[in-house]
Amino acid sequence: MIFVDTSGWVALEDPADGHHQAAARYRDGVAAGQDRLVTSCYVFDETYTLLLREVGPKKVRAFRERVLAMERSRVLDVVHLSHEDEAEAWEVLERIGADKKWSFTDCTSQVVCAKRRVQRVFAFDHHFVQMGLVREPQ
């Protein structure tokens, strides 16, 4: 299982992103291996907001349709955090996240990865390495 972070989604969707080509190559390799993907509603909130600003509403709607298709085909699982998960994310932020300048979304991602025993993350964000996870592509 691979957690997909905002930085991975944005790199895939925005051709002007500096990691776009690496993200596309990684996506093609992951698709060939049939790995399951997981992300969170918080990651999508961040992703939609960034994409709206960078590529516009039409492309955001097209991206949302692809995400829905991935969910229907069971390639992607979107986690909706519970109140307990959010409380745990606040604890992560207070314990270590603030010192490392993790966003609250980063903290929720750490909670999701820990609970689902996810070790691999499709991201270009160095915070996942700080969390002890394997960031891909390397």
Protein backbone atom coordinates (compact mmCIF):
# COMPACT_ATOMS: atom_id res chain seq x y z
CA MET A 1 0.00 0.00 0.00
CA ILE A 2 1.21 3.49 -0.89
CA PHE A 3 0.02 6.73 0.70
CA VAL A 4 -0.37 9.55 -1.83
CA ASP A 5 0.44 13.02 -0.53
CA THR A 6 -0.61 16.41 -1.87
CA SER A 7 2.82 16.91 -3.42
CA GLY A 8 2.40 13.70 -5.43
CA TRP A 9 -1.09 14.56 -6.67
CA VAL A 10 -0.11 18.12 -7.60
CA ALA A 11 3.03 16.97 -9.41
CA LEU A 12 0.92 14.56 -11.47
CA GLU A 13 -1.75 17.11 -12.34
CA ASP A 14 0.29 20.25 -12.96
CA PRO A 15 2.60 20.03 -16.00
CA ALA A 16 4.41 23.15 -14.74
CA ASP A 17 5.34 21.45 -11.46
CA GLY A 18 9.07 20.75 -11.23
CA HIS A 19 8.40 17.11 -10.28
CA HIS A 20 5.81 16.43 -13.00
CA GLN A 21 7.94 14.10 -15.14
CA ALA A 22 9.23 12.11 -12.16
CA ALA A 23 5.66 11.82 -10.86
CA ALA A 24 4.37 10.55 -14.21
CA ARG A 25 7.14 7.93 -14.43
CA TYR A 26 6.41 6.83 -10.87
CA ARG A 27 2.65 6.63 -11.55
CA ASP A 28 3.29 4.41 -14.57
CA GLY A 29 5.50 2.09 -12.52
CA VAL A 30 2.97 1.89 -9.69
CA ALA A 31 0.15 1.13 -12.14
CA ALA A 32 2.16 -1.74 -13.60
CA GLY A 33 2.70 -3.21 -10.12
CA GLN A 34 -0.96 -2.93 -9.09
CA ASP A 35 -0.19 -1.36 -5.70
CA ARG A 36 -3.20 -0.12 -3.74
CA LEU A 37 -3.23 3.57 -2.97
CA VAL A 38 -4.50 5.39 0.10
CA THR A 39 -4.89 9.09 0.80
CA SER A 40 -7.07 11.24 3.04
CA CYS A 41 -9.79 13.84 2.82
CA TYR A 42 -7.32 16.34 4.31
CA VAL A 43 -4.84 15.65 1.50
CA PHE A 44 -7.60 16.19 -1.04
CA ASP A 45 -8.58 19.47 0.58
CA GLU A 46 -5.00 20.67 0.19
CA THR A 47 -4.71 19.25 -3.31
CA TYR A 48 -7.92 20.79 -4.64
CA THR A 49 -6.99 24.16 -3.18
CA LEU A 50 -3.52 24.15 -4.74
CA LEU A 51 -4.73 22.83 -8.09
CA LEU A 52 -7.51 25.39 -8.28
CA ARG A 53 -4.91 28.13 -7.98
CA GLU A 54 -2.33 26.50 -10.27
CA VAL A 55 -4.34 24.85 -13.07
CA GLY A 56 -7.91 26.15 -12.73
CA PRO A 57 -11.38 24.79 -11.98
CA LYS A 58 -11.87 22.78 -15.18
CA LYS A 59 -8.78 20.65 -14.51
CA VAL A 60 -9.73 20.29 -10.84
CA ARG A 61 -13.12 18.87 -11.87
CA ALA A 62 -11.39 16.44 -14.29
CA PHE A 63 -9.02 15.40 -11.51
CA ARG A 64 -11.95 14.79 -9.16
CA GLU A 65 -13.58 12.55 -11.78
CA ARG A 66 -10.37 10.48 -12.08
CA VAL A 67 -10.23 10.17 -8.29
CA LEU A 68 -13.84 8.95 -8.16
CA ALA A 69 -13.07 6.39 -10.87
CA MET A 70 -10.04 5.18 -8.90
CA GLU A 71 -12.23 4.79 -5.80
CA ARG A 72 -14.89 2.88 -7.74
CA SER A 73 -12.29 0.52 -9.17
CA ARG A 74 -10.86 0.01 -5.66
CA VAL A 75 -7.41 1.23 -6.64
CA LEU A 76 -7.67 4.12 -4.18
CA ASP A 77 -9.01 4.32 -0.65
CA VAL A 78 -9.78 7.82 0.65
CA VAL A 79 -9.69 7.90 4.45
CA HIS A 80 -12.09 10.23 6.26
CA LEU A 81 -10.61 10.86 9.66
CA SER A 82 -12.67 10.35 12.81
CA HIS A 83 -12.73 12.79 15.72
CA GLU A 84 -10.31 10.44 17.49
CA ASP A 85 -7.93 10.51 14.49
CA GLU A 86 -8.04 14.30 14.45
CA ALA A 87 -7.34 14.43 18.19
CA GLU A 88 -4.37 12.13 17.64
CA ALA A 89 -3.13 14.38 14.82
CA TRP A 90 -3.26 17.36 17.21
CA GLU A 91 -1.18 15.34 19.68
CA VAL A 92 1.36 14.60 16.93
CA LEU A 93 1.49 18.30 16.07
CA GLU A 94 2.02 19.31 19.68
CA ARG A 95 4.55 16.54 20.39
CA ILE A 96 6.80 16.77 17.33
CA GLY A 97 5.09 18.41 14.37
CA ALA A 98 5.49 22.03 15.40
CA ASP A 99 9.26 21.67 15.85
CA LYS A 100 9.57 20.11 12.40
CA LYS A 101 7.15 22.62 10.84
CA TRP A 102 4.65 19.94 9.82
CA SER A 103 1.26 21.18 8.73
CA PHE A 104 -1.84 19.79 10.40
CA THR A 105 -2.48 17.84 7.19
CA ASP A 106 1.01 16.31 7.51
CA CYS A 107 0.10 15.23 11.04
CA THR A 108 -3.16 13.66 9.86
CA SER A 109 -1.20 11.83 7.17
CA GLN A 110 1.17 10.48 9.81
CA VAL A 111 -1.82 9.17 11.79
CA VAL A 112 -3.33 7.51 8.70
CA CYS A 113 -0.01 5.89 7.75
CA ALA A 114 0.56 4.62 11.30
CA LYS A 115 -2.94 3.16 11.65
CA ARG A 116 -2.82 1.50 8.23
CA ARG A 117 0.80 0.38 8.63
CA VAL A 118 1.77 2.22 5.45
CA GLN A 119 5.53 2.54 4.94
CA ARG A 120 5.70 3.94 1.40
CA VAL A 121 4.59 7.43 0.43
CA PHE A 122 4.30 8.98 -3.03
CA ALA A 123 5.47 12.48 -2.18
CA PHE A 124 8.07 15.11 -2.81
CA ASP A 125 7.66 16.49 0.73
CA HIS A 126 10.63 15.85 3.07
CA HIS A 127 8.34 15.62 6.10
CA PHE A 128 7.57 11.99 5.33
CA VAL A 129 11.25 11.10 5.64
CA GLN A 130 11.20 12.83 9.05
CA MET A 131 8.29 10.53 9.93
CA GLY A 132 10.45 7.50 9.18
CA LEU A 133 8.58 6.55 6.01
CA VAL A 134 9.98 5.69 2.60
CA ARG A 135 9.36 8.56 0.21
CA GLU A 136 8.97 7.58 -3.43
CA PRO A 137 10.21 8.31 -5.99
CA GLN A 138 13.63 8.61 -4.43
